[in-house]
Amino acid sequence: MNAPRTARFLSFEGGEAAGKSTQIRLLSERLRSTGLDVVELREPGGTPIGEKIRHLLKHDPDGHGMSPESELLLMNASRAELVRKVIRPALEAGRWVVSDRFFDSTTAYQGHGRGLDPLQVRAVIDIAVGPTRPDLTLYLDVDPATARQRLARRRGDQAVPDRFDEEKDAFFSRVRAGFESILATEPERIVRVDAGGDVATVADAVWRQLASRSWV
């Protein structure tokens, strides 16, 4: 009989239109096919409170013009609920957790993108997550030109506008620089995956990252 595999917490990061949702779905399906119990999550969101915060942050017209500080606190209020109500209980039960974004997005978006004090950003994140950290973060990296093309198509398909999709190129450039900074400081936890290719190629690259650690 094979020994039970250790529960893992995986997060996917990247800019807008990097393909995170698709890759999370494909990876979760593949993990389940090996007998693992997998929980798929998204940020902000994932709990009743978190989903209400998500709507305010991304889609509610009243969210437009929100201060960067309010954005930071709301993102982490949603995250605090998710960690305590879903992520920790799932891991304790031996389930794998795969999340569409986690705290690296706050560092990149609210820290680098909005220009908030990095020490203050880190302090708020630490309150929200405590000791809970991903075992591995997969950064889906897409060159800016490809990202713009994908984002333009996504805007055309959306019934409800997304406030973050409407940001200017300069904002997305700062966010990308933020992710690059995280990669440089935490190479053991976060790895780059070239997400500019076709879906199957990217999915195989993601799987290889797990296989190289003998997790699958």
C-alpha atoms as a PDB file:
ATOM      1  CA  MET A   1       0.000   0.000   0.000  1.00  0.00           C
ATOM      2  CA  ASN A   2       1.329   3.460  -0.909  1.00  0.00           C
ATOM      3  CA  ALA A   3       1.871   5.893   1.943  1.00  0.00           C
ATOM      4  CA  PRO A   4      -0.558   8.828   2.072  1.00  0.00           C
ATOM      5  CA  ARG A   5       0.817  11.878   0.298  1.00  0.00           C
ATOM      6  CA  THR A   6       1.344  15.008   2.358  1.00  0.00           C
ATOM      7  CA  ALA A   7      -1.306  17.682   1.876  1.00  0.00           C
ATOM      8  CA  ARG A   8       0.068  20.613  -0.110  1.00  0.00           C
ATOM      9  CA  PHE A   9      -0.953  24.235  -0.495  1.00  0.00           C
ATOM     10  CA  LEU A  10      -0.345  25.547  -4.025  1.00  0.00           C
ATOM     11  CA  SER A  11      -0.988  29.098  -5.168  1.00  0.00           C
ATOM     12  CA  PHE A  12      -1.069  30.421  -8.715  1.00  0.00           C
ATOM     13  CA  GLU A  13      -0.005  33.991  -9.383  1.00  0.00           C
ATOM     14  CA  GLY A  14       0.363  36.272 -12.371  1.00  0.00           C
ATOM     15  CA  GLY A  15      -1.012  39.351 -14.024  1.00  0.00           C
ATOM     16  CA  GLU A  16      -4.428  39.676 -15.592  1.00  0.00           C
ATOM     17  CA  ALA A  17      -5.230  37.179 -18.380  1.00  0.00           C
ATOM     18  CA  ALA A  18      -2.295  34.905 -17.512  1.00  0.00           C
ATOM     19  CA  GLY A  19      -4.533  31.836 -17.667  1.00  0.00           C
ATOM     20  CA  LYS A  20      -4.554  31.000 -13.965  1.00  0.00           C
ATOM     21  CA  SER A  21      -8.166  29.808 -13.795  1.00  0.00           C
ATOM     22  CA  THR A  22      -7.722  27.400 -16.709  1.00  0.00           C
ATOM     23  CA  GLN A  23      -4.475  25.967 -15.354  1.00  0.00           C
ATOM     24  CA  ILE A  24      -5.914  25.552 -11.862  1.00  0.00           C
ATOM     25  CA  ARG A  25      -8.842  23.611 -13.258  1.00  0.00           C
ATOM     26  CA  LEU A  26      -6.594  21.351 -15.325  1.00  0.00           C
ATOM     27  CA  LEU A  27      -4.143  20.731 -12.501  1.00  0.00           C
ATOM     28  CA  SER A  28      -6.918  19.992 -10.006  1.00  0.00           C
ATOM     29  CA  GLU A  29      -8.496  17.498 -12.411  1.00  0.00           C
ATOM     30  CA  ARG A  30      -5.152  15.777 -12.894  1.00  0.00           C
ATOM     31  CA  LEU A  31      -4.453  15.642  -9.159  1.00  0.00           C
ATOM     32  CA  ARG A  32      -7.891  14.170  -8.510  1.00  0.00           C
ATOM     33  CA  SER A  33      -7.234  11.512 -11.139  1.00  0.00           C
ATOM     34  CA  THR A  34      -4.346  10.298  -8.962  1.00  0.00           C
ATOM     35  CA  GLY A  35      -6.656   9.900  -5.970  1.00  0.00           C
ATOM     36  CA  LEU A  36      -6.052  13.198  -4.218  1.00  0.00           C
ATOM     37  CA  ASP A  37      -8.786  15.288  -2.588  1.00  0.00           C
ATOM     38  CA  VAL A  38      -8.382  18.823  -3.944  1.00  0.00           C
ATOM     39  CA  VAL A  39      -9.972  22.116  -2.918  1.00  0.00           C
ATOM     40  CA  GLU A  40      -9.989  24.878  -5.559  1.00  0.00           C
ATOM     41  CA  LEU A  41     -10.147  28.468  -4.294  1.00  0.00           C
ATOM     42  CA  ARG A  42      -9.977  31.998  -5.613  1.00  0.00           C
ATOM     43  CA  GLU A  43      -8.957  35.310  -4.126  1.00  0.00           C
ATOM     44  CA  PRO A  44     -10.544  37.511  -3.169  1.00  0.00           C
ATOM     45  CA  GLY A  45     -13.443  35.244  -2.329  1.00  0.00           C
ATOM     46  CA  GLY A  46     -13.890  31.636  -1.346  1.00  0.00           C
ATOM     47  CA  THR A  47     -16.199  32.286   1.624  1.00  0.00           C
ATOM     48  CA  PRO A  48     -19.569  34.061   1.887  1.00  0.00           C
ATOM     49  CA  ILE A  49     -17.904  37.176   3.312  1.00  0.00           C
ATOM     50  CA  GLY A  50     -15.049  36.918   0.837  1.00  0.00           C
ATOM     51  CA  GLU A  51     -17.364  36.749  -2.170  1.00  0.00           C
ATOM     52  CA  LYS A  52     -19.155  39.906  -1.060  1.00  0.00           C
ATOM     53  CA  ILE A  53     -15.806  41.640  -0.680  1.00  0.00           C
ATOM     54  CA  ARG A  54     -14.788  40.351  -4.120  1.00  0.00           C
ATOM     55  CA  HIS A  55     -17.830  41.931  -5.722  1.00  0.00           C
ATOM     56  CA  LEU A  56     -17.112  45.265  -4.053  1.00  0.00           C
ATOM     57  CA  LEU A  57     -13.438  45.199  -5.042  1.00  0.00           C
ATOM     58  CA  LYS A  58     -13.885  44.091  -8.631  1.00  0.00           C
ATOM     59  CA  HIS A  59     -17.395  44.768  -9.951  1.00  0.00           C
ATOM     60  CA  ASP A  60     -19.483  47.073  -7.753  1.00  0.00           C
ATOM     61  CA  PRO A  61     -19.607  50.630  -9.171  1.00  0.00           C
ATOM     62  CA  ASP A  62     -19.233  51.893  -5.601  1.00  0.00           C
ATOM     63  CA  GLY A  63     -15.746  50.356  -5.599  1.00  0.00           C
ATOM     64  CA  HIS A  64     -14.458  52.701  -8.276  1.00  0.00           C
ATOM     65  CA  GLY A  65     -12.177  55.335  -6.833  1.00  0.00           C
ATOM     66  CA  MET A  66     -11.493  53.213  -3.742  1.00  0.00           C
ATOM     67  CA  SER A  67      -8.364  54.285  -1.880  1.00  0.00           C
ATOM     68  CA  PRO A  68      -5.341  51.943  -2.111  1.00  0.00           C
ATOM     69  CA  GLU A  69      -5.428  51.561   1.673  1.00  0.00           C
ATOM     70  CA  SER A  70      -9.051  50.399   1.623  1.00  0.00           C
ATOM     71  CA  GLU A  71      -8.218  47.990  -1.184  1.00  0.00           C
ATOM     72  CA  LEU A  72      -5.347  46.545   0.861  1.00  0.00           C
ATOM     73  CA  LEU A  73      -7.481  46.045   3.951  1.00  0.00           C
ATOM     74  CA  LEU A  74     -10.447  44.566   2.096  1.00  0.00           C
ATOM     75  CA  MET A  75      -8.257  42.110   0.190  1.00  0.00           C
ATOM     76  CA  ASN A  76      -6.798  40.893   3.447  1.00  0.00           C
ATOM     77  CA  ALA A  77     -10.114  40.794   5.269  1.00  0.00           C
ATOM     78  CA  SER A  78     -11.274  38.333   2.608  1.00  0.00           C
ATOM     79  CA  ARG A  79      -7.984  36.434   2.944  1.00  0.00           C
ATOM     80  CA  ALA A  80      -8.241  36.191   6.737  1.00  0.00           C
ATOM     81  CA  GLU A  81     -11.641  34.510   6.384  1.00  0.00           C
ATOM     82  CA  LEU A  82     -10.379  32.161   3.700  1.00  0.00           C
ATOM     83  CA  VAL A  83      -7.339  31.059   5.696  1.00  0.00           C
ATOM     84  CA  ARG A  84      -9.291  30.358   8.870  1.00  0.00           C
ATOM     85  CA  LYS A  85     -12.512  28.985   7.417  1.00  0.00           C
ATOM     86  CA  VAL A  86     -11.231  26.984   4.440  1.00  0.00           C
ATOM     87  CA  ILE A  87      -7.467  26.660   3.893  1.00  0.00           C
ATOM     88  CA  ARG A  88      -6.326  25.551   7.329  1.00  0.00           C
ATOM     89  CA  PRO A  89      -9.220  23.119   7.879  1.00  0.00           C
ATOM     90  CA  ALA A  90      -8.633  21.586   4.440  1.00  0.00           C
ATOM     91  CA  LEU A  91      -4.919  21.069   5.014  1.00  0.00           C
ATOM     92  CA  GLU A  92      -5.542  19.646   8.463  1.00  0.00           C
ATOM     93  CA  ALA A  93      -7.951  17.156   6.876  1.00  0.00           C
ATOM     94  CA  GLY A  94      -5.248  16.029   4.441  1.00  0.00           C
ATOM     95  CA  ARG A  95      -6.710  17.793   1.403  1.00  0.00           C
ATOM     96  CA  TRP A  96      -4.675  19.641  -1.213  1.00  0.00           C
ATOM     97  CA  VAL A  97      -5.465  23.337  -1.666  1.00  0.00           C
ATOM     98  CA  VAL A  98      -5.011  25.086  -5.028  1.00  0.00           C
ATOM     99  CA  SER A  99      -5.654  28.813  -4.908  1.00  0.00           C
ATOM    100  CA  ASP A 100      -6.094  31.386  -7.651  1.00  0.00           C
ATOM    101  CA  ARG A 101      -3.916  34.087  -6.028  1.00  0.00           C
ATOM    102  CA  PHE A 102      -2.727  34.512  -2.451  1.00  0.00           C
ATOM    103  CA  PHE A 103      -0.643  37.081  -0.620  1.00  0.00           C
ATOM    104  CA  ASP A 104       1.910  37.582  -3.427  1.00  0.00           C
ATOM    105  CA  SER A 105      -0.835  39.340  -5.385  1.00  0.00           C
ATOM    106  CA  THR A 106      -1.181  41.869  -2.587  1.00  0.00           C
ATOM    107  CA  THR A 107       2.563  42.513  -2.603  1.00  0.00           C
ATOM    108  CA  ALA A 108       2.507  42.972  -6.388  1.00  0.00           C
ATOM    109  CA  TYR A 109      -0.817  44.789  -6.836  1.00  0.00           C
ATOM    110  CA  GLN A 110      -1.285  46.889  -3.712  1.00  0.00           C
ATOM    111  CA  GLY A 111       2.403  47.217  -2.892  1.00  0.00           C
ATOM    112  CA  HIS A 112       4.085  47.753  -6.255  1.00  0.00           C
ATOM    113  CA  GLY A 113       1.008  48.574  -8.335  1.00  0.00           C
ATOM    114  CA  ARG A 114      -0.595  51.057  -5.941  1.00  0.00           C
ATOM    115  CA  GLY A 115       2.673  52.215  -4.382  1.00  0.00           C
ATOM    116  CA  LEU A 116       1.827  51.447  -0.759  1.00  0.00           C
ATOM    117  CA  ASP A 117       4.548  51.176   1.874  1.00  0.00           C
ATOM    118  CA  PRO A 118       5.944  47.616   1.614  1.00  0.00           C
ATOM    119  CA  LEU A 119       6.378  47.318   5.375  1.00  0.00           C
ATOM    120  CA  GLN A 120       2.746  48.240   5.958  1.00  0.00           C
ATOM    121  CA  VAL A 121       1.633  45.827   3.234  1.00  0.00           C
ATOM    122  CA  ARG A 122       3.641  43.015   4.818  1.00  0.00           C
ATOM    123  CA  ALA A 123       2.251  43.793   8.280  1.00  0.00           C
ATOM    124  CA  VAL A 124      -1.354  43.562   7.044  1.00  0.00           C
ATOM    125  CA  ILE A 125      -0.625  40.322   5.165  1.00  0.00           C
ATOM    126  CA  ASP A 126       0.956  38.797   8.271  1.00  0.00           C
ATOM    127  CA  ILE A 127      -2.166  39.548  10.298  1.00  0.00           C
ATOM    128  CA  ALA A 128      -4.367  37.969   7.627  1.00  0.00           C
ATOM    129  CA  VAL A 129      -2.431  34.742   7.056  1.00  0.00           C
ATOM    130  CA  GLY A 130      -0.456  34.145  10.247  1.00  0.00           C
ATOM    131  CA  PRO A 131       1.866  31.153   9.684  1.00  0.00           C
ATOM    132  CA  THR A 132      -0.067  29.869   6.644  1.00  0.00           C
ATOM    133  CA  ARG A 133       2.158  29.924   3.558  1.00  0.00           C
ATOM    134  CA  PRO A 134       1.967  28.111   0.198  1.00  0.00           C
ATOM    135  CA  ASP A 135       4.275  25.137  -0.238  1.00  0.00           C
ATOM    136  CA  LEU A 136       4.739  26.210  -3.853  1.00  0.00           C
ATOM    137  CA  THR A 137       3.689  29.249  -5.857  1.00  0.00           C
ATOM    138  CA  LEU A 138       3.466  28.984  -9.630  1.00  0.00           C
ATOM    139  CA  TYR A 139       3.902  32.355 -11.286  1.00  0.00           C
ATOM    140  CA  LEU A 140       2.326  32.252 -14.744  1.00  0.00           C
ATOM    141  CA  ASP A 141       4.333  34.782 -16.695  1.00  0.00           C
ATOM    142  CA  VAL A 142       3.057  36.266 -19.952  1.00  0.00           C
ATOM    143  CA  ASP A 143       4.817  38.942 -21.972  1.00  0.00           C
ATOM    144  CA  PRO A 144       3.013  42.309 -21.860  1.00  0.00           C
ATOM    145  CA  ALA A 145       1.967  42.279 -25.530  1.00  0.00           C
ATOM    146  CA  THR A 146       0.306  38.864 -25.224  1.00  0.00           C
ATOM    147  CA  ALA A 147      -1.324  39.880 -21.946  1.00  0.00           C
ATOM    148  CA  ARG A 148      -2.810  42.995 -23.561  1.00  0.00           C
ATOM    149  CA  GLN A 149      -4.277  40.944 -26.417  1.00  0.00           C
ATOM    150  CA  ARG A 150      -5.811  38.413 -24.034  1.00  0.00           C
ATOM    151  CA  LEU A 151      -7.136  41.141 -21.775  1.00  0.00           C
ATOM    152  CA  ALA A 152      -8.785  42.941 -24.690  1.00  0.00           C
ATOM    153  CA  ARG A 153     -10.598  39.733 -25.634  1.00  0.00           C
ATOM    154  CA  ARG A 154     -11.660  39.134 -22.045  1.00  0.00           C
ATOM    155  CA  ARG A 155     -13.060  42.646 -21.708  1.00  0.00           C
ATOM    156  CA  GLY A 156     -15.199  42.000 -24.758  1.00  0.00           C
ATOM    157  CA  ASP A 157     -16.624  38.825 -23.203  1.00  0.00           C
ATOM    158  CA  GLN A 158     -17.434  40.288 -19.791  1.00  0.00           C
ATOM    159  CA  ALA A 159     -21.032  41.062 -18.911  1.00  0.00           C
ATOM    160  CA  VAL A 160     -19.877  42.976 -15.811  1.00  0.00           C
ATOM    161  CA  PRO A 161     -16.710  45.102 -16.014  1.00  0.00           C
ATOM    162  CA  ASP A 162     -13.765  44.222 -13.767  1.00  0.00           C
ATOM    163  CA  ARG A 163     -12.163  47.263 -12.144  1.00  0.00           C
ATOM    164  CA  PHE A 164      -8.667  45.749 -12.300  1.00  0.00           C
ATOM    165  CA  ASP A 165      -8.947  44.876 -15.990  1.00  0.00           C
ATOM    166  CA  GLU A 166      -9.534  48.547 -16.691  1.00  0.00           C
ATOM    167  CA  GLU A 167      -6.180  49.678 -15.263  1.00  0.00           C
ATOM    168  CA  LYS A 168      -3.578  51.319 -17.515  1.00  0.00           C
ATOM    169  CA  ASP A 169      -0.463  49.642 -18.897  1.00  0.00           C
ATOM    170  CA  ALA A 170       1.735  51.504 -16.408  1.00  0.00           C
ATOM    171  CA  PHE A 171      -0.076  49.836 -13.516  1.00  0.00           C
ATOM    172  CA  PHE A 172       0.379  46.368 -15.009  1.00  0.00           C
ATOM    173  CA  SER A 173       4.069  47.105 -15.612  1.00  0.00           C
ATOM    174  CA  ARG A 174       4.501  47.900 -11.917  1.00  0.00           C
ATOM    175  CA  VAL A 175       2.619  44.734 -10.964  1.00  0.00           C
ATOM    176  CA  ARG A 176       4.866  42.628 -13.199  1.00  0.00           C
ATOM    177  CA  ALA A 177       7.933  44.236 -11.642  1.00  0.00           C
ATOM    178  CA  GLY A 178       6.476  43.329  -8.260  1.00  0.00           C
ATOM    179  CA  PHE A 179       6.217  39.662  -9.177  1.00  0.00           C
ATOM    180  CA  GLU A 180       9.782  39.752 -10.522  1.00  0.00           C
ATOM    181  CA  SER A 181      10.944  41.128  -7.177  1.00  0.00           C
ATOM    182  CA  ILE A 182       9.192  38.309  -5.311  1.00  0.00           C
ATOM    183  CA  LEU A 183      10.806  35.750  -7.617  1.00  0.00           C
ATOM    184  CA  ALA A 184      14.219  37.171  -6.829  1.00  0.00           C
ATOM    185  CA  THR A 185      13.721  37.056  -3.073  1.00  0.00           C
ATOM    186  CA  GLU A 186      11.945  33.687  -2.682  1.00  0.00           C
ATOM    187  CA  PRO A 187      13.247  31.344  -5.405  1.00  0.00           C
ATOM    188  CA  GLU A 188      12.639  28.240  -3.288  1.00  0.00           C
ATOM    189  CA  ARG A 189       8.901  28.890  -2.984  1.00  0.00           C
ATOM    190  CA  ILE A 190       7.894  30.697  -6.158  1.00  0.00           C
ATOM    191  CA  VAL A 191       8.751  29.489  -9.662  1.00  0.00           C
ATOM    192  CA  ARG A 192       8.171  31.023 -13.048  1.00  0.00           C
ATOM    193  CA  VAL A 193       6.116  29.144 -15.645  1.00  0.00           C
ATOM    194  CA  ASP A 194       6.064  30.499 -19.185  1.00  0.00           C
ATOM    195  CA  ALA A 195       2.349  30.947 -19.820  1.00  0.00           C
ATOM    196  CA  GLY A 196       2.635  32.389 -23.304  1.00  0.00           C
ATOM    197  CA  GLY A 197       2.176  29.059 -25.077  1.00  0.00           C
ATOM    198  CA  ASP A 198      -0.859  26.896 -25.684  1.00  0.00           C
ATOM    199  CA  VAL A 199      -2.905  25.588 -22.769  1.00  0.00           C
ATOM    200  CA  ALA A 200      -1.589  22.008 -22.918  1.00  0.00           C
ATOM    201  CA  THR A 201       2.054  23.097 -22.995  1.00  0.00           C
ATOM    202  CA  VAL A 202       1.578  25.314 -19.962  1.00  0.00           C
ATOM    203  CA  ALA A 203      -0.282  22.539 -18.120  1.00  0.00           C
ATOM    204  CA  ASP A 204       2.607  20.138 -18.737  1.00  0.00           C
ATOM    205  CA  ALA A 205       5.085  22.715 -17.432  1.00  0.00           C
ATOM    206  CA  VAL A 206       3.023  23.128 -14.268  1.00  0.00           C
ATOM    207  CA  TRP A 207       2.865  19.344 -13.748  1.00  0.00           C
ATOM    208  CA  ARG A 208       6.633  19.040 -14.165  1.00  0.00           C
ATOM    209  CA  GLN A 209       7.149  21.457 -11.297  1.00  0.00           C
ATOM    210  CA  LEU A 210       5.214  19.160  -8.970  1.00  0.00           C
ATOM    211  CA  ALA A 211       6.826  16.017 -10.357  1.00  0.00           C
ATOM    212  CA  SER A 212      10.314  17.450  -9.849  1.00  0.00           C
ATOM    213  CA  ARG A 213       9.533  17.675  -6.140  1.00  0.00           C
ATOM    214  CA  SER A 214       8.220  14.083  -6.061  1.00  0.00           C
ATOM    215  CA  TRP A 215       4.810  15.301  -4.974  1.00  0.00           C
ATOM    216  CA  VAL A 216       2.944  13.478  -7.752  1.00  0.00           C
END
